[in-house]
Amino acid sequence: MMDKVKAAVQKTKSDWIEIVKRYQKPHIGKSTWQIINSLVPFLIIWVLMYFSLRVSYWLTLGLAIINAGFMVRIFIIQHDCGHNSFYNSTKTNNIVGSIFGIITLTPYYHWRKAHAIHHATSGDLDFRGIGDVETITVNEYMALNNWGKIKYRFFRHPFTTFIIGPAFVFLFMHRFPVKTKKTDKKERASVHWTNLALLSITVGMGLLIGFKEFFIIQLPISLIGSMAGVYLFYVQHQFEDTYWRWHNNWDYEKAALEGCSYFKLPKVLQWFSGNIGFHHIHHLSPKIPNYLLEKAYEENNLFQNVETLTMISSVKTIFLDLWDEERNKLISFWEYRRLYKVMPT
């Protein structure tokens, strides 16, 4: 598979630039319809969850799973707005993105800047730590003391990455302007305004329906949605034959086509995830709105010869932890001990 990927990357830069240009124009009708078919069901199900409390909390949790799917879809719309690809108007993108950021517990401008850095440095070993999942090389891991290794292993444990991590990031970390400079006024302000909006909604809903009722409805939606979102983001970059290079040898096109997977999901999950499974195309051209990614994939062979993951095959990726520079692949801690003949920490 990777030979095909590398062959596809040999396309000249002008080739892929001309290809992606055909898909970069947003359609106001399609974008507006996505807002309607995402936000309206989310609000309706939220109300149904409130009434379901009188029947059974298990029913409420069942509805929460569905609404978490709509929350992921709302995040994808916010995500497109952050790339200025959802509407032609930058102002409209920012308004929609800021409003949807409240629903997803994400300060829009603060997140947008970090995500832009992620796109500009994805797969670059010299620029890790912003908008990505912390990944270190085998040599860096070897150089850590025992406490450092224990901390990294804890961080990369699936329970931390997919259960603790999402809750920590969306409920706690997004409430503070971390990794921003004092000059980043818009980014810092977006954190404070988002917090103020969330506080107002919480107080208002608490007074209207009860604070307990509000939290036992909203928390499952936010937690399940954030876990699903983190898993989607993780498997699109953290597969065995992904792409990591030091900056001097880093290449944008290769980082997109070799370092991002095509996550082939069942159609219903593809819809809820806003086609983000076509992640290699998205990284090659973030200006393509989510509803044109599948079309770009189907119409161009260049985008079809890439690493493809399914729901089943993606499970293996959660155990990949270290970048092995000798083999140019991600390996698990178990493989590390086997290949480098070291005792468990």
C-alpha atoms as a PDB file:
ATOM      1  CA  MET A   1       0.000   0.000   0.000  1.00  0.00           C
ATOM      2  CA  MET A   2       2.707   2.504   0.943  1.00  0.00           C
ATOM      3  CA  ASP A   3       4.487   1.953  -2.405  1.00  0.00           C
ATOM      4  CA  LYS A   4       1.306   3.078  -4.126  1.00  0.00           C
ATOM      5  CA  VAL A   5       1.081   6.066  -1.807  1.00  0.00           C
ATOM      6  CA  LYS A   6       4.650   7.114  -2.556  1.00  0.00           C
ATOM      7  CA  ALA A   7       4.057   6.678  -6.271  1.00  0.00           C
ATOM      8  CA  ALA A   8       0.995   8.900  -6.042  1.00  0.00           C
ATOM      9  CA  VAL A   9       2.995  11.577  -4.248  1.00  0.00           C
ATOM     10  CA  GLN A  10       5.338  11.811  -7.223  1.00  0.00           C
ATOM     11  CA  LYS A  11       2.650  13.905  -8.909  1.00  0.00           C
ATOM     12  CA  THR A  12       4.027  17.417  -9.399  1.00  0.00           C
ATOM     13  CA  LYS A  13       2.872  20.199  -7.140  1.00  0.00           C
ATOM     14  CA  SER A  14       1.065  21.931  -9.989  1.00  0.00           C
ATOM     15  CA  ASP A  15      -0.940  18.756 -10.653  1.00  0.00           C
ATOM     16  CA  TRP A  16      -2.571  18.556  -7.237  1.00  0.00           C
ATOM     17  CA  ILE A  17      -2.967  22.304  -6.953  1.00  0.00           C
ATOM     18  CA  GLU A  18      -4.979  22.363 -10.165  1.00  0.00           C
ATOM     19  CA  ILE A  19      -7.032  19.365  -9.012  1.00  0.00           C
ATOM     20  CA  VAL A  20      -8.023  20.778  -5.622  1.00  0.00           C
ATOM     21  CA  LYS A  21      -8.958  24.160  -7.102  1.00  0.00           C
ATOM     22  CA  ARG A  22     -11.995  22.503  -8.671  1.00  0.00           C
ATOM     23  CA  TYR A  23     -13.452  21.709  -5.241  1.00  0.00           C
ATOM     24  CA  GLN A  24     -12.605  24.792  -3.216  1.00  0.00           C
ATOM     25  CA  LYS A  25     -15.716  26.876  -3.880  1.00  0.00           C
ATOM     26  CA  PRO A  26     -18.349  26.581  -1.127  1.00  0.00           C
ATOM     27  CA  HIS A  27     -22.035  26.432  -2.055  1.00  0.00           C
ATOM     28  CA  ILE A  28     -24.193  28.704   0.109  1.00  0.00           C
ATOM     29  CA  GLY A  29     -27.222  26.400  -0.190  1.00  0.00           C
ATOM     30  CA  LYS A  30     -25.356  23.228   0.787  1.00  0.00           C
ATOM     31  CA  SER A  31     -23.608  24.964   3.668  1.00  0.00           C
ATOM     32  CA  THR A  32     -26.829  26.439   5.023  1.00  0.00           C
ATOM     33  CA  TRP A  33     -28.606  23.097   4.704  1.00  0.00           C
ATOM     34  CA  GLN A  34     -25.822  21.450   6.719  1.00  0.00           C
ATOM     35  CA  ILE A  35     -26.391  23.965   9.501  1.00  0.00           C
ATOM     36  CA  ILE A  36     -30.117  23.217   9.480  1.00  0.00           C
ATOM     37  CA  ASN A  37     -29.831  19.418   9.338  1.00  0.00           C
ATOM     38  CA  SER A  38     -27.237  19.437  12.130  1.00  0.00           C
ATOM     39  CA  LEU A  39     -28.398  22.099  14.566  1.00  0.00           C
ATOM     40  CA  VAL A  40     -32.168  21.528  14.422  1.00  0.00           C
ATOM     41  CA  PRO A  41     -31.991  17.759  15.194  1.00  0.00           C
ATOM     42  CA  PHE A  42     -29.464  18.490  17.950  1.00  0.00           C
ATOM     43  CA  LEU A  43     -31.889  20.873  19.657  1.00  0.00           C
ATOM     44  CA  ILE A  44     -34.892  18.593  19.156  1.00  0.00           C
ATOM     45  CA  ILE A  45     -33.079  15.582  20.631  1.00  0.00           C
ATOM     46  CA  TRP A  46     -31.894  17.736  23.533  1.00  0.00           C
ATOM     47  CA  VAL A  47     -35.519  18.536  24.375  1.00  0.00           C
ATOM     48  CA  LEU A  48     -36.485  14.870  23.988  1.00  0.00           C
ATOM     49  CA  MET A  49     -33.713  13.970  26.427  1.00  0.00           C
ATOM     50  CA  TYR A  50     -35.258  16.271  28.986  1.00  0.00           C
ATOM     51  CA  PHE A  51     -38.667  14.612  28.687  1.00  0.00           C
ATOM     52  CA  SER A  52     -37.066  11.157  28.632  1.00  0.00           C
ATOM     53  CA  LEU A  53     -35.837  11.738  32.193  1.00  0.00           C
ATOM     54  CA  ARG A  54     -39.394  11.024  33.300  1.00  0.00           C
ATOM     55  CA  VAL A  55     -39.250   7.595  31.627  1.00  0.00           C
ATOM     56  CA  SER A  56     -35.750   6.208  32.144  1.00  0.00           C
ATOM     57  CA  TYR A  57     -32.240   7.636  32.311  1.00  0.00           C
ATOM     58  CA  TRP A  58     -31.127   4.739  30.119  1.00  0.00           C
ATOM     59  CA  LEU A  59     -33.329   6.189  27.390  1.00  0.00           C
ATOM     60  CA  THR A  60     -31.732   9.571  28.027  1.00  0.00           C
ATOM     61  CA  LEU A  61     -28.265   8.072  27.581  1.00  0.00           C
ATOM     62  CA  GLY A  62     -29.359   6.350  24.381  1.00  0.00           C
ATOM     63  CA  LEU A  63     -30.482   9.686  22.986  1.00  0.00           C
ATOM     64  CA  ALA A  64     -27.209  11.226  24.224  1.00  0.00           C
ATOM     65  CA  ILE A  65     -25.230   8.883  21.953  1.00  0.00           C
ATOM     66  CA  ILE A  66     -27.221  10.057  18.939  1.00  0.00           C
ATOM     67  CA  ASN A  67     -26.891  13.702  19.934  1.00  0.00           C
ATOM     68  CA  ALA A  68     -23.152  13.268  20.431  1.00  0.00           C
ATOM     69  CA  GLY A  69     -23.073  12.354  16.739  1.00  0.00           C
ATOM     70  CA  PHE A  70     -24.758  15.640  15.889  1.00  0.00           C
ATOM     71  CA  MET A  71     -22.279  17.424  18.136  1.00  0.00           C
ATOM     72  CA  VAL A  72     -19.413  15.927  16.127  1.00  0.00           C
ATOM     73  CA  ARG A  73     -21.115  17.099  12.936  1.00  0.00           C
ATOM     74  CA  ILE A  74     -21.526  20.597  14.411  1.00  0.00           C
ATOM     75  CA  PHE A  75     -17.815  20.554  15.260  1.00  0.00           C
ATOM     76  CA  ILE A  76     -16.989  19.723  11.631  1.00  0.00           C
ATOM     77  CA  ILE A  77     -18.983  22.763  10.492  1.00  0.00           C
ATOM     78  CA  GLN A  78     -17.102  24.892  13.013  1.00  0.00           C
ATOM     79  CA  HIS A  79     -13.905  23.278  11.721  1.00  0.00           C
ATOM     80  CA  ASP A  80     -14.714  24.243   8.120  1.00  0.00           C
ATOM     81  CA  CYS A  81     -15.463  27.790   9.250  1.00  0.00           C
ATOM     82  CA  GLY A  82     -12.040  27.888  10.891  1.00  0.00           C
ATOM     83  CA  HIS A  83     -10.502  27.089   7.511  1.00  0.00           C
ATOM     84  CA  ASN A  84     -12.677  29.785   5.900  1.00  0.00           C
ATOM     85  CA  SER A  85     -14.071  27.103   3.596  1.00  0.00           C
ATOM     86  CA  PHE A  86     -17.729  26.836   4.645  1.00  0.00           C
ATOM     87  CA  TYR A  87     -18.938  30.164   3.229  1.00  0.00           C
ATOM     88  CA  ASN A  88     -17.339  32.626   0.827  1.00  0.00           C
ATOM     89  CA  SER A  89     -17.612  35.338   3.462  1.00  0.00           C
ATOM     90  CA  THR A  90     -14.924  35.336   6.165  1.00  0.00           C
ATOM     91  CA  LYS A  91     -17.265  37.256   8.467  1.00  0.00           C
ATOM     92  CA  THR A  92     -20.018  34.664   8.065  1.00  0.00           C
ATOM     93  CA  ASN A  93     -17.565  31.832   8.682  1.00  0.00           C
ATOM     94  CA  ASN A  94     -16.370  33.477  11.882  1.00  0.00           C
ATOM     95  CA  ILE A  95     -19.885  34.147  13.170  1.00  0.00           C
ATOM     96  CA  VAL A  96     -21.052  30.574  12.546  1.00  0.00           C
ATOM     97  CA  GLY A  97     -17.796  29.139  13.882  1.00  0.00           C
ATOM     98  CA  SER A  98     -17.988  31.205  17.070  1.00  0.00           C
ATOM     99  CA  ILE A  99     -21.612  30.197  17.758  1.00  0.00           C
ATOM    100  CA  PHE A 100     -20.981  26.527  17.066  1.00  0.00           C
ATOM    101  CA  GLY A 101     -17.856  26.715  19.223  1.00  0.00           C
ATOM    102  CA  ILE A 102     -20.117  27.366  22.209  1.00  0.00           C
ATOM    103  CA  ILE A 103     -22.028  24.144  21.514  1.00  0.00           C
ATOM    104  CA  THR A 104     -18.784  22.163  21.192  1.00  0.00           C
ATOM    105  CA  LEU A 105     -17.187  23.855  24.254  1.00  0.00           C
ATOM    106  CA  THR A 106     -14.420  25.167  21.967  1.00  0.00           C
ATOM    107  CA  PRO A 107     -13.214  28.800  21.906  1.00  0.00           C
ATOM    108  CA  TYR A 108     -13.293  29.344  18.154  1.00  0.00           C
ATOM    109  CA  TYR A 109     -10.437  31.792  17.517  1.00  0.00           C
ATOM    110  CA  HIS A 110      -8.161  30.134  20.051  1.00  0.00           C
ATOM    111  CA  TRP A 111      -8.781  26.711  18.505  1.00  0.00           C
ATOM    112  CA  ARG A 112      -8.513  28.084  14.940  1.00  0.00           C
ATOM    113  CA  LYS A 113      -4.968  29.347  15.460  1.00  0.00           C
ATOM    114  CA  ALA A 114      -3.761  26.092  17.050  1.00  0.00           C
ATOM    115  CA  HIS A 115      -5.418  24.071  14.287  1.00  0.00           C
ATOM    116  CA  ALA A 116      -3.761  26.191  11.595  1.00  0.00           C
ATOM    117  CA  ILE A 117      -0.395  25.386  13.174  1.00  0.00           C
ATOM    118  CA  HIS A 118      -1.335  21.703  13.128  1.00  0.00           C
ATOM    119  CA  HIS A 119      -1.979  21.876   9.381  1.00  0.00           C
ATOM    120  CA  ALA A 120       1.237  23.767   8.718  1.00  0.00           C
ATOM    121  CA  THR A 121       3.412  21.349  10.715  1.00  0.00           C
ATOM    122  CA  SER A 122       1.658  17.963  10.597  1.00  0.00           C
ATOM    123  CA  GLY A 123       4.292  15.225  10.423  1.00  0.00           C
ATOM    124  CA  ASP A 124       7.171  17.629  11.178  1.00  0.00           C
ATOM    125  CA  LEU A 125       9.248  16.295  14.084  1.00  0.00           C
ATOM    126  CA  ASP A 126      10.725  19.746  14.735  1.00  0.00           C
ATOM    127  CA  PHE A 127       7.307  21.315  15.318  1.00  0.00           C
ATOM    128  CA  ARG A 128       5.373  19.048  17.655  1.00  0.00           C
ATOM    129  CA  GLY A 129       3.149  20.018  20.553  1.00  0.00           C
ATOM    130  CA  ILE A 130       0.455  22.293  19.133  1.00  0.00           C
ATOM    131  CA  GLY A 131      -2.796  20.836  17.827  1.00  0.00           C
ATOM    132  CA  ASP A 132      -1.498  17.278  17.699  1.00  0.00           C
ATOM    133  CA  VAL A 133      -1.209  14.153  19.819  1.00  0.00           C
ATOM    134  CA  GLU A 134       2.120  14.104  21.656  1.00  0.00           C
ATOM    135  CA  THR A 135       4.387  11.604  19.906  1.00  0.00           C
ATOM    136  CA  ILE A 136       8.071  11.007  20.567  1.00  0.00           C
ATOM    137  CA  THR A 137      10.714   8.969  18.787  1.00  0.00           C
ATOM    138  CA  VAL A 138      12.294   5.758  20.024  1.00  0.00           C
ATOM    139  CA  ASN A 139      15.564   7.580  20.682  1.00  0.00           C
ATOM    140  CA  GLU A 140      13.784  10.293  22.653  1.00  0.00           C
ATOM    141  CA  TYR A 141      11.993   7.649  24.701  1.00  0.00           C
ATOM    142  CA  MET A 142      15.288   5.862  25.411  1.00  0.00           C
ATOM    143  CA  ALA A 143      16.772   9.132  26.660  1.00  0.00           C
ATOM    144  CA  LEU A 144      14.001   9.618  29.241  1.00  0.00           C
ATOM    145  CA  ASN A 145      14.533   8.662  32.858  1.00  0.00           C
ATOM    146  CA  ASN A 146      12.188   6.100  34.408  1.00  0.00           C
ATOM    147  CA  TRP A 147       9.755   8.747  35.632  1.00  0.00           C
ATOM    148  CA  GLY A 148       9.670  10.351  32.187  1.00  0.00           C
ATOM    149  CA  LYS A 149       8.910   6.981  30.591  1.00  0.00           C
ATOM    150  CA  ILE A 150       6.135   6.293  33.093  1.00  0.00           C
ATOM    151  CA  LYS A 151       4.536   9.688  32.371  1.00  0.00           C
ATOM    152  CA  TYR A 152       4.681   9.146  28.616  1.00  0.00           C
ATOM    153  CA  ARG A 153       3.268   5.645  28.898  1.00  0.00           C
ATOM    154  CA  PHE A 154       0.439   6.995  31.051  1.00  0.00           C
ATOM    155  CA  PHE A 155      -0.273   9.745  28.526  1.00  0.00           C
ATOM    156  CA  ARG A 156      -0.333   7.290  25.601  1.00  0.00           C
ATOM    157  CA  HIS A 157      -2.452   4.681  27.368  1.00  0.00           C
ATOM    158  CA  PRO A 158      -5.780   4.265  25.483  1.00  0.00           C
ATOM    159  CA  PHE A 159      -7.781   5.028  28.640  1.00  0.00           C
ATOM    160  CA  THR A 160      -5.961   8.339  29.038  1.00  0.00           C
ATOM    161  CA  THR A 161      -6.033   9.218  25.348  1.00  0.00           C
ATOM    162  CA  PHE A 162      -9.671   8.424  24.636  1.00  0.00           C
ATOM    163  CA  ILE A 163     -11.447   8.710  28.010  1.00  0.00           C
ATOM    164  CA  ILE A 164      -9.592  11.072  30.343  1.00  0.00           C
ATOM    165  CA  GLY A 165      -7.991  13.194  27.631  1.00  0.00           C
ATOM    166  CA  PRO A 166     -11.109  14.350  25.753  1.00  0.00           C
ATOM    167  CA  ALA A 167     -12.900  15.300  28.976  1.00  0.00           C
ATOM    168  CA  PHE A 168      -9.817  17.141  30.240  1.00  0.00           C
ATOM    169  CA  VAL A 169      -9.320  19.084  26.996  1.00  0.00           C
ATOM    170  CA  PHE A 170     -12.907  20.084  26.230  1.00  0.00           C
ATOM    171  CA  LEU A 171     -14.188  20.636  29.773  1.00  0.00           C
ATOM    172  CA  PHE A 172     -11.042  22.080  31.359  1.00  0.00           C
ATOM    173  CA  MET A 173      -8.205  23.061  28.995  1.00  0.00           C
ATOM    174  CA  HIS A 174     -10.454  24.989  26.620  1.00  0.00           C
ATOM    175  CA  ARG A 175     -11.450  27.225  29.514  1.00  0.00           C
ATOM    176  CA  PHE A 176      -7.965  28.778  29.647  1.00  0.00           C
ATOM    177  CA  PRO A 177      -5.939  30.606  26.958  1.00  0.00           C
ATOM    178  CA  VAL A 178      -3.050  28.156  27.086  1.00  0.00           C
ATOM    179  CA  LYS A 179      -0.136  28.514  24.662  1.00  0.00           C
ATOM    180  CA  THR A 180      -1.211  32.003  23.610  1.00  0.00           C
ATOM    181  CA  LYS A 181       0.850  35.176  23.757  1.00  0.00           C
ATOM    182  CA  LYS A 182      -0.360  38.376  25.373  1.00  0.00           C
ATOM    183  CA  THR A 183      -0.492  39.851  21.882  1.00  0.00           C
ATOM    184  CA  ASP A 184      -2.976  37.172  20.771  1.00  0.00           C
ATOM    185  CA  LYS A 185      -5.870  39.341  21.901  1.00  0.00           C
ATOM    186  CA  LYS A 186      -8.534  37.824  19.656  1.00  0.00           C
ATOM    187  CA  GLU A 187      -7.594  34.272  20.638  1.00  0.00           C
ATOM    188  CA  ARG A 188      -7.542  35.065  24.347  1.00  0.00           C
ATOM    189  CA  ALA A 189     -10.798  36.991  24.121  1.00  0.00           C
ATOM    190  CA  SER A 190     -12.514  34.058  22.395  1.00  0.00           C
ATOM    191  CA  VAL A 191     -11.743  31.888  25.422  1.00  0.00           C
ATOM    192  CA  HIS A 192     -13.287  34.400  27.817  1.00  0.00           C
ATOM    193  CA  TRP A 193     -16.344  35.094  25.659  1.00  0.00           C
ATOM    194  CA  THR A 194     -16.959  31.369  25.148  1.00  0.00           C
ATOM    195  CA  ASN A 195     -16.702  30.809  28.895  1.00  0.00           C
ATOM    196  CA  LEU A 196     -19.126  33.660  29.526  1.00  0.00           C
ATOM    197  CA  ALA A 197     -21.595  32.235  26.994  1.00  0.00           C
ATOM    198  CA  LEU A 198     -21.338  28.770  28.553  1.00  0.00           C
ATOM    199  CA  LEU A 199     -21.844  30.188  32.037  1.00  0.00           C
ATOM    200  CA  SER A 200     -24.908  32.141  30.875  1.00  0.00           C
ATOM    201  CA  ILE A 201     -26.412  29.071  29.213  1.00  0.00           C
ATOM    202  CA  THR A 202     -25.707  26.914  32.255  1.00  0.00           C
ATOM    203  CA  VAL A 203     -27.282  29.384  34.679  1.00  0.00           C
ATOM    204  CA  GLY A 204     -30.233  30.035  32.381  1.00  0.00           C
ATOM    205  CA  MET A 205     -30.957  26.363  31.745  1.00  0.00           C
ATOM    206  CA  GLY A 206     -30.354  25.516  35.385  1.00  0.00           C
ATOM    207  CA  LEU A 207     -32.970  28.018  36.477  1.00  0.00           C
ATOM    208  CA  LEU A 208     -35.351  26.848  33.761  1.00  0.00           C
ATOM    209  CA  ILE A 209     -35.177  23.046  34.096  1.00  0.00           C
ATOM    210  CA  GLY A 210     -32.922  22.482  37.117  1.00  0.00           C
ATOM    211  CA  PHE A 211     -29.135  22.350  37.367  1.00  0.00           C
ATOM    212  CA  LYS A 212     -29.076  18.596  37.968  1.00  0.00           C
ATOM    213  CA  GLU A 213     -31.270  17.951  34.941  1.00  0.00           C
ATOM    214  CA  PHE A 214     -29.140  20.214  32.762  1.00  0.00           C
ATOM    215  CA  PHE A 215     -25.875  18.534  33.698  1.00  0.00           C
ATOM    216  CA  ILE A 216     -27.107  14.933  33.405  1.00  0.00           C
ATOM    217  CA  ILE A 217     -28.347  15.762  29.911  1.00  0.00           C
ATOM    218  CA  GLN A 218     -25.459  17.856  28.604  1.00  0.00           C
ATOM    219  CA  LEU A 219     -22.477  16.071  30.148  1.00  0.00           C
ATOM    220  CA  PRO A 220     -23.049  12.714  28.375  1.00  0.00           C
ATOM    221  CA  ILE A 221     -23.433  14.525  25.039  1.00  0.00           C
ATOM    222  CA  SER A 222     -20.223  16.485  25.543  1.00  0.00           C
ATOM    223  CA  LEU A 223     -18.213  13.542  26.859  1.00  0.00           C
ATOM    224  CA  ILE A 224     -19.305  11.036  24.209  1.00  0.00           C
ATOM    225  CA  GLY A 225     -18.958  13.621  21.438  1.00  0.00           C
ATOM    226  CA  SER A 226     -15.472  14.660  22.537  1.00  0.00           C
ATOM    227  CA  MET A 227     -14.326  11.039  22.799  1.00  0.00           C
ATOM    228  CA  ALA A 228     -15.624  10.278  19.301  1.00  0.00           C
ATOM    229  CA  GLY A 229     -13.983  13.426  17.933  1.00  0.00           C
ATOM    230  CA  VAL A 230     -10.618  12.636  19.497  1.00  0.00           C
ATOM    231  CA  TYR A 231     -10.735   9.081  18.134  1.00  0.00           C
ATOM    232  CA  LEU A 232     -11.479  10.392  14.635  1.00  0.00           C
ATOM    233  CA  PHE A 233      -8.585  12.844  14.814  1.00  0.00           C
ATOM    234  CA  TYR A 234      -6.225  10.279  16.330  1.00  0.00           C
ATOM    235  CA  VAL A 235      -6.633   7.455  13.804  1.00  0.00           C
ATOM    236  CA  GLN A 236      -6.288   9.852  10.871  1.00  0.00           C
ATOM    237  CA  HIS A 237      -2.674  10.534  11.838  1.00  0.00           C
ATOM    238  CA  GLN A 238      -1.493   7.796  14.195  1.00  0.00           C
ATOM    239  CA  PHE A 239      -1.363   4.724  11.948  1.00  0.00           C
ATOM    240  CA  GLU A 240       1.624   2.427  11.466  1.00  0.00           C
ATOM    241  CA  ASP A 241       2.970   3.753   8.136  1.00  0.00           C
ATOM    242  CA  THR A 242       2.246   7.402   8.795  1.00  0.00           C
ATOM    243  CA  TYR A 243       4.662  10.214   7.942  1.00  0.00           C
ATOM    244  CA  TRP A 244       7.070  11.881  10.368  1.00  0.00           C
ATOM    245  CA  ARG A 245      10.244  13.669   9.255  1.00  0.00           C
ATOM    246  CA  TRP A 246      12.629  16.245  10.666  1.00  0.00           C
ATOM    247  CA  HIS A 247      12.018  19.674   9.176  1.00  0.00           C
ATOM    248  CA  ASN A 248      14.918  19.605   6.706  1.00  0.00           C
ATOM    249  CA  ASN A 249      13.392  16.542   5.027  1.00  0.00           C
ATOM    250  CA  TRP A 250       9.722  17.393   5.604  1.00  0.00           C
ATOM    251  CA  ASP A 251       7.403  17.801   2.621  1.00  0.00           C
ATOM    252  CA  TYR A 252       3.878  19.244   2.684  1.00  0.00           C
ATOM    253  CA  GLU A 253       2.388  16.979   0.026  1.00  0.00           C
ATOM    254  CA  LYS A 254       3.873  13.841   1.539  1.00  0.00           C
ATOM    255  CA  ALA A 255       2.689  14.856   4.993  1.00  0.00           C
ATOM    256  CA  ALA A 256      -0.852  15.073   3.581  1.00  0.00           C
ATOM    257  CA  LEU A 257      -0.899  11.982   1.350  1.00  0.00           C
ATOM    258  CA  GLU A 258       1.313   9.707   3.451  1.00  0.00           C
ATOM    259  CA  GLY A 259       0.691  11.131   6.917  1.00  0.00           C
ATOM    260  CA  CYS A 260      -3.115  11.225   6.799  1.00  0.00           C
ATOM    261  CA  SER A 261      -5.375   8.236   6.328  1.00  0.00           C
ATOM    262  CA  TYR A 262      -8.641   7.691   4.523  1.00  0.00           C
ATOM    263  CA  PHE A 263     -10.903   6.496   7.326  1.00  0.00           C
ATOM    264  CA  LYS A 264     -13.545   4.500   5.453  1.00  0.00           C
ATOM    265  CA  LEU A 265     -16.622   4.645   7.650  1.00  0.00           C
ATOM    266  CA  PRO A 266     -20.142   3.272   7.200  1.00  0.00           C
ATOM    267  CA  LYS A 267     -22.244   5.888   5.396  1.00  0.00           C
ATOM    268  CA  VAL A 268     -24.199   6.937   8.482  1.00  0.00           C
ATOM    269  CA  LEU A 269     -20.984   7.534  10.463  1.00  0.00           C
ATOM    270  CA  GLN A 270     -19.431   9.266   7.464  1.00  0.00           C
ATOM    271  CA  TRP A 271     -22.401  11.643   7.511  1.00  0.00           C
ATOM    272  CA  PHE A 272     -22.166  12.337  11.247  1.00  0.00           C
ATOM    273  CA  SER A 273     -18.412  12.913  10.942  1.00  0.00           C
ATOM    274  CA  GLY A 274     -18.840  15.358   8.065  1.00  0.00           C
ATOM    275  CA  ASN A 275     -16.638  13.391   5.622  1.00  0.00           C
ATOM    276  CA  ILE A 276     -13.573  14.087   7.759  1.00  0.00           C
ATOM    277  CA  GLY A 277     -12.468  10.517   6.995  1.00  0.00           C
ATOM    278  CA  PHE A 278     -11.140  11.879   3.691  1.00  0.00           C
ATOM    279  CA  HIS A 279      -8.478  13.437   5.840  1.00  0.00           C
ATOM    280  CA  HIS A 280      -5.639  13.240   3.342  1.00  0.00           C
ATOM    281  CA  ILE A 281      -7.585  15.431   0.924  1.00  0.00           C
ATOM    282  CA  HIS A 282      -8.507  17.820   3.708  1.00  0.00           C
ATOM    283  CA  HIS A 283      -4.852  18.234   4.690  1.00  0.00           C
ATOM    284  CA  LEU A 284      -3.792  18.701   1.095  1.00  0.00           C
ATOM    285  CA  SER A 285      -6.386  21.452   0.710  1.00  0.00           C
ATOM    286  CA  PRO A 286      -8.198  22.711   3.832  1.00  0.00           C
ATOM    287  CA  LYS A 287     -10.137  25.117   1.599  1.00  0.00           C
ATOM    288  CA  ILE A 288     -12.337  22.287   0.318  1.00  0.00           C
ATOM    289  CA  PRO A 289     -15.678  22.274   2.195  1.00  0.00           C
ATOM    290  CA  ASN A 290     -16.488  18.966   3.860  1.00  0.00           C
ATOM    291  CA  TYR A 291     -19.364  18.153   1.483  1.00  0.00           C
ATOM    292  CA  LEU A 292     -17.007  18.156  -1.532  1.00  0.00           C
ATOM    293  CA  LEU A 293     -14.313  15.888  -0.089  1.00  0.00           C
ATOM    294  CA  GLU A 294     -15.985  12.664  -1.202  1.00  0.00           C
ATOM    295  CA  LYS A 295     -16.472  14.031  -4.715  1.00  0.00           C
ATOM    296  CA  ALA A 296     -12.781  14.942  -4.891  1.00  0.00           C
ATOM    297  CA  TYR A 297     -11.886  11.434  -3.737  1.00  0.00           C
ATOM    298  CA  GLU A 298     -14.118   9.663  -6.246  1.00  0.00           C
ATOM    299  CA  GLU A 299     -13.011  11.729  -9.230  1.00  0.00           C
ATOM    300  CA  ASN A 300      -9.227  11.553  -8.787  1.00  0.00           C
ATOM    301  CA  ASN A 301      -7.004   8.459  -8.652  1.00  0.00           C
ATOM    302  CA  LEU A 302      -4.346  10.535  -6.895  1.00  0.00           C
ATOM    303  CA  PHE A 303      -6.488  10.526  -3.760  1.00  0.00           C
ATOM    304  CA  GLN A 304      -7.437   6.844  -3.825  1.00  0.00           C
ATOM    305  CA  ASN A 305      -4.011   5.215  -3.392  1.00  0.00           C
ATOM    306  CA  VAL A 306      -3.550   6.138   0.252  1.00  0.00           C
ATOM    307  CA  GLU A 307      -3.596   4.364   3.608  1.00  0.00           C
ATOM    308  CA  THR A 308      -7.163   3.175   4.173  1.00  0.00           C
ATOM    309  CA  LEU A 309      -8.508   2.353   7.617  1.00  0.00           C
ATOM    310  CA  THR A 310     -11.831   0.803   8.603  1.00  0.00           C
ATOM    311  CA  MET A 311     -13.562   0.675  11.968  1.00  0.00           C
ATOM    312  CA  ILE A 312     -11.947  -2.719  12.592  1.00  0.00           C
ATOM    313  CA  SER A 313      -8.441  -1.985  11.317  1.00  0.00           C
ATOM    314  CA  SER A 314      -8.376   1.366  13.141  1.00  0.00           C
ATOM    315  CA  VAL A 315      -8.377  -0.411  16.510  1.00  0.00           C
ATOM    316  CA  LYS A 316      -4.745  -1.406  16.015  1.00  0.00           C
ATOM    317  CA  THR A 317      -3.703   2.238  15.874  1.00  0.00           C
ATOM    318  CA  ILE A 318      -4.592   2.893  19.516  1.00  0.00           C
ATOM    319  CA  PHE A 319      -1.623   0.780  20.601  1.00  0.00           C
ATOM    320  CA  LEU A 320       0.979   2.594  18.474  1.00  0.00           C
ATOM    321  CA  ASP A 321       3.059   4.884  20.649  1.00  0.00           C
ATOM    322  CA  LEU A 322       6.580   5.589  19.371  1.00  0.00           C
ATOM    323  CA  TRP A 323       7.998   6.788  16.065  1.00  0.00           C
ATOM    324  CA  ASP A 324      10.746   4.393  14.973  1.00  0.00           C
ATOM    325  CA  GLU A 325      13.119   6.411  12.762  1.00  0.00           C
ATOM    326  CA  GLU A 326      15.013   3.317  11.650  1.00  0.00           C
ATOM    327  CA  ARG A 327      11.871   1.703  10.235  1.00  0.00           C
ATOM    328  CA  ASN A 328       9.898   4.868   9.437  1.00  0.00           C
ATOM    329  CA  LYS A 329       6.810   3.654  11.241  1.00  0.00           C
ATOM    330  CA  LEU A 330       4.912   3.921  14.496  1.00  0.00           C
ATOM    331  CA  ILE A 331       5.409   1.009  16.839  1.00  0.00           C
ATOM    332  CA  SER A 332       3.809  -0.117  20.094  1.00  0.00           C
ATOM    333  CA  PHE A 333       5.593  -0.351  23.436  1.00  0.00           C
ATOM    334  CA  TRP A 334       5.444  -4.134  23.054  1.00  0.00           C
ATOM    335  CA  GLU A 335       7.211  -3.918  19.671  1.00  0.00           C
ATOM    336  CA  TYR A 336       9.735  -1.513  21.164  1.00  0.00           C
ATOM    337  CA  ARG A 337      10.686  -4.028  23.845  1.00  0.00           C
ATOM    338  CA  ARG A 338      10.891  -6.818  21.284  1.00  0.00           C
ATOM    339  CA  LEU A 339      12.878  -4.896  18.668  1.00  0.00           C
ATOM    340  CA  TYR A 340      15.243  -3.187  21.052  1.00  0.00           C
ATOM    341  CA  LYS A 341      15.413  -6.009  23.581  1.00  0.00           C
ATOM    342  CA  VAL A 342      14.702  -3.917  26.667  1.00  0.00           C
ATOM    343  CA  MET A 343      12.992  -4.839  29.886  1.00  0.00           C
ATOM    344  CA  PRO A 344       9.571  -3.324  30.691  1.00  0.00           C
ATOM    345  CA  THR A 345       9.726  -0.009  32.565  1.00  0.00           C
END
